[in-house]
PDB file of N, CA and C in Angstrom:
ATOM      1  N   PHE A   1     -26.320 -29.269  24.202  1.00  0.00           N
ATOM      2  CA  PHE A   1     -27.512 -28.675  24.287  1.00  0.00           C
ATOM      3  C   PHE A   1     -27.617 -27.407  23.227  1.00  0.00           C
ATOM      4  N   ILE A   2     -26.585 -26.655  23.151  1.00  0.00           N
ATOM      5  CA  ILE A   2     -26.363 -25.534  22.298  1.00  0.00           C
ATOM      6  C   ILE A   2     -26.465 -25.906  20.772  1.00  0.00           C
ATOM      7  N   ASP A   3     -25.423 -26.825  20.689  1.00  0.00           N
ATOM      8  CA  ASP A   3     -25.518 -27.392  19.218  1.00  0.00           C
ATOM      9  C   ASP A   3     -26.672 -28.005  18.628  1.00  0.00           C
ATOM     10  N   ALA A   4     -27.527 -28.544  19.440  1.00  0.00           N
ATOM     11  CA  ALA A   4     -28.780 -28.932  19.072  1.00  0.00           C
ATOM     12  C   ALA A   4     -29.879 -27.935  18.695  1.00  0.00           C
ATOM     13  N   ARG A   5     -29.647 -26.793  19.190  1.00  0.00           N
ATOM     14  CA  ARG A   5     -30.650 -25.714  19.110  1.00  0.00           C
ATOM     15  C   ARG A   5     -29.966 -24.778  18.161  1.00  0.00           C
ATOM     16  N   GLU A   6     -28.776 -24.514  17.887  1.00  0.00           N
ATOM     17  CA  GLU A   6     -28.128 -23.532  17.115  1.00  0.00           C
ATOM     18  C   GLU A   6     -27.950 -24.119  15.676  1.00  0.00           C
ATOM     19  N   GLY A   7     -28.629 -23.589  14.726  1.00  0.00           N
ATOM     20  CA  GLY A   7     -28.291 -24.227  13.275  1.00  0.00           C
ATOM     21  C   GLY A   7     -28.075 -23.155  12.203  1.00  0.00           C
ATOM     22  N   SER A   8     -27.852 -21.882  12.687  1.00  0.00           N
ATOM     23  CA  SER A   8     -27.496 -20.804  11.737  1.00  0.00           C
ATOM     24  C   SER A   8     -26.332 -19.965  12.060  1.00  0.00           C
ATOM     25  N   ASP A   9     -25.564 -20.417  13.073  1.00  0.00           N
ATOM     26  CA  ASP A   9     -24.298 -19.683  13.409  1.00  0.00           C
ATOM     27  C   ASP A   9     -23.023 -20.565  13.398  1.00  0.00           C
ATOM     28  N   PRO A  10     -22.288 -20.286  12.343  1.00  0.00           N
ATOM     29  CA  PRO A  10     -21.112 -21.404  12.165  1.00  0.00           C
ATOM     30  C   PRO A  10     -20.118 -21.123  13.396  1.00  0.00           C
ATOM     31  N   GLY A  11     -20.221 -19.889  13.826  1.00  0.00           N
ATOM     32  CA  GLY A  11     -19.380 -19.711  15.079  1.00  0.00           C
ATOM     33  C   GLY A  11     -19.301 -20.660  16.158  1.00  0.00           C
ATOM     34  N   VAL A  12     -20.666 -20.946  16.476  1.00  0.00           N
ATOM     35  CA  VAL A  12     -20.988 -21.937  17.672  1.00  0.00           C
ATOM     36  C   VAL A  12     -20.320 -23.400  17.127  1.00  0.00           C
ATOM     37  N   ALA A  13     -20.807 -23.677  16.051  1.00  0.00           N
ATOM     38  CA  ALA A  13     -20.186 -25.219  15.427  1.00  0.00           C
ATOM     39  C   ALA A  13     -18.755 -25.125  15.382  1.00  0.00           C
ATOM     40  N   LEU A  14     -18.096 -24.004  15.049  1.00  0.00           N
ATOM     41  CA  LEU A  14     -16.537 -23.943  14.850  1.00  0.00           C
ATOM     42  C   LEU A  14     -15.872 -24.016  16.396  1.00  0.00           C
ATOM     43  N   GLU A  15     -16.538 -23.318  17.348  1.00  0.00           N
ATOM     44  CA  GLU A  15     -16.078 -23.290  18.743  1.00  0.00           C
ATOM     45  C   GLU A  15     -16.203 -24.759  19.423  1.00  0.00           C
ATOM     46  N   LEU A  16     -17.308 -25.355  19.130  1.00  0.00           N
ATOM     47  CA  LEU A  16     -17.409 -26.738  19.691  1.00  0.00           C
ATOM     48  C   LEU A  16     -16.362 -27.631  18.876  1.00  0.00           C
ATOM     49  N   ALA A  17     -16.096 -27.519  17.640  1.00  0.00           N
ATOM     50  CA  ALA A  17     -15.125 -28.361  17.047  1.00  0.00           C
ATOM     51  C   ALA A  17     -13.809 -28.042  17.743  1.00  0.00           C
ATOM     52  N   ARG A  18     -13.376 -26.802  17.916  1.00  0.00           N
ATOM     53  CA  ARG A  18     -12.092 -26.438  18.714  1.00  0.00           C
ATOM     54  C   ARG A  18     -12.109 -27.339  20.008  1.00  0.00           C
ATOM     55  N   LEU A  19     -13.245 -27.106  20.772  1.00  0.00           N
ATOM     56  CA  LEU A  19     -13.230 -27.742  22.042  1.00  0.00           C
ATOM     57  C   LEU A  19     -12.963 -29.379  22.021  1.00  0.00           C
ATOM     58  N   GLU A  20     -13.695 -29.902  21.011  1.00  0.00           N
ATOM     59  CA  GLU A  20     -13.543 -31.295  20.923  1.00  0.00           C
ATOM     60  C   GLU A  20     -12.214 -31.770  20.389  1.00  0.00           C
ATOM     61  N   ARG A  21     -11.669 -30.811  19.538  1.00  0.00           N
ATOM     62  CA  ARG A  21     -10.343 -31.096  19.076  1.00  0.00           C
ATOM     63  C   ARG A  21      -9.159 -31.151  20.277  1.00  0.00           C
ATOM     64  N   ALA A  22      -9.413 -30.270  21.135  1.00  0.00           N
ATOM     65  CA  ALA A  22      -8.620 -30.110  22.337  1.00  0.00           C
ATOM     66  C   ALA A  22      -8.729 -31.239  23.326  1.00  0.00           C
ATOM     67  N   ARG A  23      -9.949 -31.699  23.317  1.00  0.00           N
ATOM     68  CA  ARG A  23     -10.295 -32.863  24.164  1.00  0.00           C
ATOM     69  C   ARG A  23      -9.718 -34.088  23.495  1.00  0.00           C
ATOM     70  N   GLY A  24      -9.427 -34.081  22.250  1.00  0.00           N
ATOM     71  CA  GLY A  24      -8.936 -35.276  21.374  1.00  0.00           C
ATOM     72  C   GLY A  24      -9.854 -36.062  20.762  1.00  0.00           C
ATOM     73  N   ASP A  25     -11.124 -35.667  20.772  1.00  0.00           N
ATOM     74  CA  ASP A  25     -12.247 -36.363  19.855  1.00  0.00           C
ATOM     75  C   ASP A  25     -12.177 -35.816  18.523  1.00  0.00           C
ATOM     76  N   ARG A  26     -11.365 -36.314  17.504  1.00  0.00           N
ATOM     77  CA  ARG A  26     -11.262 -35.755  16.457  1.00  0.00           C
ATOM     78  C   ARG A  26     -12.537 -35.852  15.423  1.00  0.00           C
ATOM     79  N   SER A  27     -13.342 -37.060  15.683  1.00  0.00           N
ATOM     80  CA  SER A  27     -14.346 -37.452  15.303  1.00  0.00           C
ATOM     81  C   SER A  27     -15.484 -36.398  15.361  1.00  0.00           C
ATOM     82  N   LYS A  28     -15.908 -36.114  16.701  1.00  0.00           N
ATOM     83  CA  LYS A  28     -16.864 -35.139  17.010  1.00  0.00           C
ATOM     84  C   LYS A  28     -16.467 -33.849  16.510  1.00  0.00           C
ATOM     85  N   ALA A  29     -15.182 -33.350  16.700  1.00  0.00           N
ATOM     86  CA  ALA A  29     -14.506 -32.190  16.124  1.00  0.00           C
ATOM     87  C   ALA A  29     -15.011 -32.009  14.549  1.00  0.00           C
ATOM     88  N   LEU A  30     -14.750 -33.051  13.769  1.00  0.00           N
ATOM     89  CA  LEU A  30     -15.038 -33.037  12.541  1.00  0.00           C
ATOM     90  C   LEU A  30     -16.529 -32.808  12.253  1.00  0.00           C
ATOM     91  N   GLY A  31     -17.502 -33.520  13.057  1.00  0.00           N
ATOM     92  CA  GLY A  31     -18.860 -33.518  12.756  1.00  0.00           C
ATOM     93  C   GLY A  31     -19.326 -31.785  12.806  1.00  0.00           C
ATOM     94  N   HIS A  32     -18.630 -31.326  14.005  1.00  0.00           N
ATOM     95  CA  HIS A  32     -18.963 -29.779  14.311  1.00  0.00           C
ATOM     96  C   HIS A  32     -18.383 -28.992  13.188  1.00  0.00           C
ATOM     97  N   ALA A  33     -17.249 -29.088  12.776  1.00  0.00           N
ATOM     98  CA  ALA A  33     -16.672 -28.397  11.614  1.00  0.00           C
ATOM     99  C   ALA A  33     -17.337 -28.698  10.327  1.00  0.00           C
ATOM    100  N   THR A  34     -17.786 -29.687   9.991  1.00  0.00           N
ATOM    101  CA  THR A  34     -18.677 -30.130   8.828  1.00  0.00           C
ATOM    102  C   THR A  34     -20.096 -29.271   8.884  1.00  0.00           C
ATOM    103  N   LYS A  35     -20.684 -29.333  10.048  1.00  0.00           N
ATOM    104  CA  LYS A  35     -21.874 -28.285  10.128  1.00  0.00           C
ATOM    105  C   LYS A  35     -21.597 -26.976  10.007  1.00  0.00           C
ATOM    106  N   ALA A  36     -20.501 -26.412  10.494  1.00  0.00           N
ATOM    107  CA  ALA A  36     -20.166 -25.045  10.247  1.00  0.00           C
ATOM    108  C   ALA A  36     -19.854 -25.009   8.741  1.00  0.00           C
ATOM    109  N   ALA A  37     -19.267 -25.755   8.056  1.00  0.00           N
ATOM    110  CA  ALA A  37     -18.957 -25.651   6.586  1.00  0.00           C
ATOM    111  C   ALA A  37     -20.557 -25.724   5.842  1.00  0.00           C
ATOM    112  N   ARG A  38     -21.359 -26.433   6.332  1.00  0.00           N
ATOM    113  CA  ARG A  38     -22.668 -26.457   5.823  1.00  0.00           C
ATOM    114  C   ARG A  38     -23.267 -25.143   5.882  1.00  0.00           C
ATOM    115  N   ILE A  39     -23.259 -24.522   6.990  1.00  0.00           N
ATOM    116  CA  ILE A  39     -24.040 -23.406   7.337  1.00  0.00           C
ATOM    117  C   ILE A  39     -23.371 -22.121   6.425  1.00  0.00           C
ATOM    118  N   ASP A  40     -21.943 -22.100   6.512  1.00  0.00           N
ATOM    119  CA  ASP A  40     -21.299 -21.220   5.791  1.00  0.00           C
ATOM    120  C   ASP A  40     -20.352 -21.779   4.644  1.00  0.00           C
ATOM    121  N   ALA A  41     -21.000 -22.253   3.625  1.00  0.00           N
ATOM    122  CA  ALA A  41     -20.254 -23.164   2.732  1.00  0.00           C
ATOM    123  C   ALA A  41     -19.124 -22.346   1.957  1.00  0.00           C
ATOM    124  N   TYR A  42     -19.386 -21.115   2.014  1.00  0.00           N
ATOM    125  CA  TYR A  42     -18.421 -20.240   0.981  1.00  0.00           C
ATOM    126  C   TYR A  42     -17.128 -19.700   1.846  1.00  0.00           C
ATOM    127  N   ASP A  43     -16.917 -20.046   3.038  1.00  0.00           N
ATOM    128  CA  ASP A  43     -15.919 -19.497   3.917  1.00  0.00           C
ATOM    129  C   ASP A  43     -14.541 -20.473   3.784  1.00  0.00           C
ATOM    130  N   ALA A  44     -13.753 -19.901   3.144  1.00  0.00           N
ATOM    131  CA  ALA A  44     -12.379 -20.829   3.001  1.00  0.00           C
ATOM    132  C   ALA A  44     -11.695 -21.157   4.099  1.00  0.00           C
ATOM    133  N   THR A  45     -11.725 -20.340   5.188  1.00  0.00           N
ATOM    134  CA  THR A  45     -11.099 -20.667   6.500  1.00  0.00           C
ATOM    135  C   THR A  45     -11.875 -21.994   7.154  1.00  0.00           C
ATOM    136  N   THR A  46     -13.157 -21.878   6.970  1.00  0.00           N
ATOM    137  CA  THR A  46     -13.864 -22.928   7.729  1.00  0.00           C
ATOM    138  C   THR A  46     -13.746 -24.378   6.950  1.00  0.00           C
ATOM    139  N   ARG A  47     -13.509 -24.206   5.534  1.00  0.00           N
ATOM    140  CA  ARG A  47     -13.332 -25.412   4.838  1.00  0.00           C
ATOM    141  C   ARG A  47     -11.896 -25.951   4.926  1.00  0.00           C
ATOM    142  N   GLU A  48     -11.051 -25.051   5.410  1.00  0.00           N
ATOM    143  CA  GLU A  48      -9.569 -25.428   5.546  1.00  0.00           C
ATOM    144  C   GLU A  48      -9.577 -26.129   7.013  1.00  0.00           C
ATOM    145  N   PHE A  49     -10.066 -25.616   8.107  1.00  0.00           N
ATOM    146  CA  PHE A  49     -10.295 -26.295   9.137  1.00  0.00           C
ATOM    147  C   PHE A  49     -10.897 -27.688   9.148  1.00  0.00           C
ATOM    148  N   ALA A  50     -12.045 -27.731   8.460  1.00  0.00           N
ATOM    149  CA  ALA A  50     -12.787 -28.949   8.367  1.00  0.00           C
ATOM    150  C   ALA A  50     -11.910 -30.142   7.523  1.00  0.00           C
ATOM    151  N   ALA A  51     -11.173 -29.636   6.667  1.00  0.00           N
ATOM    152  CA  ALA A  51     -10.120 -30.588   5.943  1.00  0.00           C
ATOM    153  C   ALA A  51      -9.294 -31.032   6.861  1.00  0.00           C
ATOM    154  N   ALA A  52      -8.374 -30.035   7.618  1.00  0.00           N
ATOM    155  CA  ALA A  52      -7.490 -30.522   8.556  1.00  0.00           C
ATOM    156  C   ALA A  52      -8.224 -31.459   9.503  1.00  0.00           C
ATOM    157  N   LEU A  53      -9.218 -31.173  10.095  1.00  0.00           N
ATOM    158  CA  LEU A  53      -9.790 -32.206  10.950  1.00  0.00           C
ATOM    159  C   LEU A  53     -10.077 -33.535  10.381  1.00  0.00           C
ATOM    160  N   ALA A  54     -10.656 -33.459   9.228  1.00  0.00           N
ATOM    161  CA  ALA A  54     -10.965 -34.734   8.505  1.00  0.00           C
ATOM    162  C   ALA A  54      -9.707 -35.599   8.360  1.00  0.00           C
ATOM    163  N   VAL A  55      -8.537 -34.884   7.871  1.00  0.00           N
ATOM    164  CA  VAL A  55      -7.333 -35.787   7.882  1.00  0.00           C
ATOM    165  C   VAL A  55      -6.855 -36.256   9.338  1.00  0.00           C
ATOM    166  N   GLU A  56      -7.053 -35.354  10.080  1.00  0.00           N
ATOM    167  CA  GLU A  56      -6.679 -36.001  11.600  1.00  0.00           C
ATOM    168  C   GLU A  56      -7.602 -36.942  12.070  1.00  0.00           C
ATOM    169  N   ALA A  57      -8.687 -36.951  11.660  1.00  0.00           N
ATOM    170  CA  ALA A  57      -9.837 -37.980  12.152  1.00  0.00           C
ATOM    171  C   ALA A  57      -9.789 -39.407  11.131  1.00  0.00           C
ATOM    172  N   GLY A  58      -8.905 -39.126  10.197  1.00  0.00           N
ATOM    173  CA  GLY A  58      -8.683 -40.438   9.152  1.00  0.00           C
ATOM    174  C   GLY A  58      -9.753 -40.467   8.189  1.00  0.00           C
ATOM    175  N   ASP A  59     -10.590 -39.420   8.022  1.00  0.00           N
ATOM    176  CA  ASP A  59     -11.675 -39.438   7.055  1.00  0.00           C
ATOM    177  C   ASP A  59     -11.203 -38.669   5.700  1.00  0.00           C
ATOM    178  N   LEU A  60     -10.403 -39.420   4.723  1.00  0.00           N
ATOM    179  CA  LEU A  60      -9.957 -38.768   3.631  1.00  0.00           C
ATOM    180  C   LEU A  60     -10.954 -38.303   2.679  1.00  0.00           C
ATOM    181  N   ARG A  61     -11.851 -39.099   2.767  1.00  0.00           N
ATOM    182  CA  ARG A  61     -13.153 -38.748   1.712  1.00  0.00           C
ATOM    183  C   ARG A  61     -13.678 -37.295   2.090  1.00  0.00           C
ATOM    184  N   ALA A  62     -14.014 -37.079   3.412  1.00  0.00           N
ATOM    185  CA  ALA A  62     -14.463 -35.812   3.824  1.00  0.00           C
ATOM    186  C   ALA A  62     -13.356 -34.779   3.599  1.00  0.00           C
ATOM    187  N   ALA A  63     -12.112 -35.127   3.780  1.00  0.00           N
ATOM    188  CA  ALA A  63     -10.960 -33.924   3.525  1.00  0.00           C
ATOM    189  C   ALA A  63     -11.075 -33.930   2.068  1.00  0.00           C
ATOM    190  N   ARG A  64     -11.266 -34.706   1.178  1.00  0.00           N
ATOM    191  CA  ARG A  64     -11.204 -34.417  -0.204  1.00  0.00           C
ATOM    192  C   ARG A  64     -12.269 -33.437  -0.370  1.00  0.00           C
ATOM    193  N   LEU A  65     -13.463 -33.723  -0.100  1.00  0.00           N
ATOM    194  CA  LEU A  65     -14.590 -32.903  -0.343  1.00  0.00           C
ATOM    195  C   LEU A  65     -14.234 -31.484   0.097  1.00  0.00           C
ATOM    196  N   HIS A  66     -13.834 -31.173   1.195  1.00  0.00           N
ATOM    197  CA  HIS A  66     -13.444 -29.896   1.723  1.00  0.00           C
ATOM    198  C   HIS A  66     -12.355 -29.128   0.964  1.00  0.00           C
ATOM    199  N   VAL A  67     -11.426 -30.057   0.549  1.00  0.00           N
ATOM    200  CA  VAL A  67     -10.078 -29.429  -0.328  1.00  0.00           C
ATOM    201  C   VAL A  67     -10.806 -29.123  -1.551  1.00  0.00           C
ATOM    202  N   GLU A  68     -11.719 -29.941  -2.187  1.00  0.00           N
ATOM    203  CA  GLU A  68     -12.233 -29.754  -3.468  1.00  0.00           C
ATOM    204  C   GLU A  68     -12.912 -28.484  -3.457  1.00  0.00           C
ATOM    205  N   ALA A  69     -13.667 -28.144  -2.474  1.00  0.00           N
ATOM    206  CA  ALA A  69     -14.549 -26.929  -2.377  1.00  0.00           C
ATOM    207  C   ALA A  69     -13.606 -25.771  -2.256  1.00  0.00           C
ATOM    208  N   LEU A  70     -12.577 -25.991  -1.697  1.00  0.00           N
ATOM    209  CA  LEU A  70     -11.389 -24.825  -1.435  1.00  0.00           C
ATOM    210  C   LEU A  70     -10.927 -24.480  -2.928  1.00  0.00           C
ATOM    211  N   GLY A  71     -10.754 -25.453  -3.853  1.00  0.00           N
ATOM    212  CA  GLY A  71     -10.333 -25.226  -5.141  1.00  0.00           C
ATOM    213  C   GLY A  71     -11.365 -24.441  -5.933  1.00  0.00           C
ATOM    214  N   PHE A  72     -12.545 -24.444  -5.614  1.00  0.00           N
ATOM    215  CA  PHE A  72     -13.645 -23.829  -6.277  1.00  0.00           C
ATOM    216  C   PHE A  72     -13.726 -22.273  -5.468  1.00  0.00           C
ATOM    217  N   LEU A  73     -13.516 -22.147  -4.204  1.00  0.00           N
ATOM    218  CA  LEU A  73     -13.468 -21.057  -3.613  1.00  0.00           C
ATOM    219  C   LEU A  73     -12.235 -20.065  -3.900  1.00  0.00           C
ATOM    220  N   GLU A  74     -11.133 -20.488  -4.144  1.00  0.00           N
ATOM    221  CA  GLU A  74      -9.901 -19.950  -4.358  1.00  0.00           C
ATOM    222  C   GLU A  74      -9.020 -20.593  -5.618  1.00  0.00           C
ATOM    223  N   PRO A  75      -9.750 -20.523  -6.634  1.00  0.00           N
ATOM    224  CA  PRO A  75      -9.267 -21.374  -7.799  1.00  0.00           C
ATOM    225  C   PRO A  75      -7.574 -20.908  -8.212  1.00  0.00           C
ATOM    226  N   GLY A  76      -7.099 -19.727  -7.693  1.00  0.00           N
ATOM    227  CA  GLY A  76      -5.825 -19.506  -8.100  1.00  0.00           C
ATOM    228  C   GLY A  76      -4.894 -19.907  -6.911  1.00  0.00           C
ATOM    229  N   GLU A  77      -5.283 -20.716  -6.080  1.00  0.00           N
ATOM    230  CA  GLU A  77      -4.232 -21.120  -5.014  1.00  0.00           C
ATOM    231  C   GLU A  77      -3.782 -22.436  -5.307  1.00  0.00           C
ATOM    232  N   ALA A  78      -2.541 -22.747  -5.789  1.00  0.00           N
ATOM    233  CA  ALA A  78      -1.823 -23.991  -6.223  1.00  0.00           C
ATOM    234  C   ALA A  78      -1.858 -24.945  -5.014  1.00  0.00           C
ATOM    235  N   ARG A  79      -1.698 -24.382  -3.860  1.00  0.00           N
ATOM    236  CA  ARG A  79      -1.780 -25.468  -2.740  1.00  0.00           C
ATOM    237  C   ARG A  79      -3.053 -26.348  -2.599  1.00  0.00           C
ATOM    238  N   HIS A  80      -4.075 -25.781  -2.952  1.00  0.00           N
ATOM    239  CA  HIS A  80      -5.203 -26.754  -2.987  1.00  0.00           C
ATOM    240  C   HIS A  80      -5.127 -27.695  -4.036  1.00  0.00           C
ATOM    241  N   ARG A  81      -4.707 -27.499  -5.110  1.00  0.00           N
ATOM    242  CA  ARG A  81      -4.497 -28.730  -5.973  1.00  0.00           C
ATOM    243  C   ARG A  81      -3.567 -29.588  -5.629  1.00  0.00           C
ATOM    244  N   ALA A  82      -2.424 -29.135  -4.867  1.00  0.00           N
ATOM    245  CA  ALA A  82      -1.348 -29.984  -4.394  1.00  0.00           C
ATOM    246  C   ALA A  82      -2.029 -30.802  -3.291  1.00  0.00           C
ATOM    247  N   ARG A  83      -2.825 -30.183  -2.541  1.00  0.00           N
ATOM    248  CA  ARG A  83      -3.271 -30.999  -1.470  1.00  0.00           C
ATOM    249  C   ARG A  83      -4.255 -32.099  -1.804  1.00  0.00           C
ATOM    250  N   LEU A  84      -5.184 -31.571  -2.728  1.00  0.00           N
ATOM    251  CA  LEU A  84      -5.968 -32.736  -3.466  1.00  0.00           C
ATOM    252  C   LEU A  84      -5.478 -33.837  -4.101  1.00  0.00           C
ATOM    253  N   ALA A  85      -4.394 -33.539  -4.819  1.00  0.00           N
ATOM    254  CA  ALA A  85      -3.503 -34.512  -5.469  1.00  0.00           C
ATOM    255  C   ALA A  85      -2.965 -35.645  -4.437  1.00  0.00           C
ATOM    256  N   ARG A  86      -2.583 -34.884  -3.222  1.00  0.00           N
ATOM    257  CA  ARG A  86      -1.986 -35.711  -2.000  1.00  0.00           C
ATOM    258  C   ARG A  86      -3.092 -36.477  -1.468  1.00  0.00           C
ATOM    259  N   ILE A  87      -4.146 -35.978  -1.159  1.00  0.00           N
ATOM    260  CA  ILE A  87      -5.170 -36.814  -0.490  1.00  0.00           C
ATOM    261  C   ILE A  87      -5.585 -37.923  -1.540  1.00  0.00           C
ATOM    262  N   ASP A  88      -5.718 -37.655  -2.766  1.00  0.00           N
ATOM    263  CA  ASP A  88      -6.100 -38.783  -3.828  1.00  0.00           C
ATOM    264  C   ASP A  88      -4.858 -39.856  -3.767  1.00  0.00           C
ATOM    265  N   GLU A  89      -3.655 -39.501  -3.543  1.00  0.00           N
ATOM    266  CA  GLU A  89      -2.802 -40.593  -3.405  1.00  0.00           C
ATOM    267  C   GLU A  89      -3.033 -41.287  -2.222  1.00  0.00           C
ATOM    268  N   LEU A  90      -3.226 -40.806  -1.005  1.00  0.00           N
ATOM    269  CA  LEU A  90      -3.608 -41.419   0.059  1.00  0.00           C
ATOM    270  C   LEU A  90      -4.564 -42.390   0.200  1.00  0.00           C
ATOM    271  N   ILE A  91      -5.786 -41.597  -0.606  1.00  0.00           N
ATOM    272  CA  ILE A  91      -7.110 -42.467  -0.746  1.00  0.00           C
ATOM    273  C   ILE A  91      -6.566 -43.714  -1.477  1.00  0.00           C
ATOM    274  N   ALA A  92      -5.818 -43.616  -2.737  1.00  0.00           N
ATOM    275  CA  ALA A  92      -5.462 -44.656  -3.568  1.00  0.00           C
ATOM    276  C   ALA A  92      -4.791 -45.763  -2.662  1.00  0.00           C
ATOM    277  N   GLY A  93      -3.732 -45.350  -1.859  1.00  0.00           N
ATOM    278  CA  GLY A  93      -2.862 -46.168  -1.052  1.00  0.00           C
ATOM    279  C   GLY A  93      -3.673 -46.941  -0.177  1.00  0.00           C
ATOM    280  N   SER A  94      -4.878 -46.505   0.301  1.00  0.00           N
ATOM    281  CA  SER A  94      -5.377 -47.123   1.444  1.00  0.00           C
ATOM    282  C   SER A  94      -6.323 -48.385   0.884  1.00  0.00           C
ATOM    283  N   ARG A  95      -6.235 -48.343  -0.492  1.00  0.00           N
ATOM    284  CA  ARG A  95      -7.357 -49.444  -1.093  1.00  0.00           C
ATOM    285  C   ARG A  95      -6.754 -50.956  -1.018  1.00  0.00           C
TER     286      ARG A  95
END
């Protein structure tokens, strides 16, 4: 109910993502985290959480998108480049 009516507060979407993750529904959790990332696209913590959920949900393309965004948000962080390379390896291996 709240999620359908709240579109401007990333905190609501993030809390719903945490709740769904705790319930074991990684797909729904990713949906909520992705919504939070759309609302607050420049928050690195949100992007990192969304990327982690995407990997947990098996959605490597979504994970790549969020890690790529992290690279733009924090260009000096080598870990983002390393993560992006690893995700690309996983994507190539799944073909």
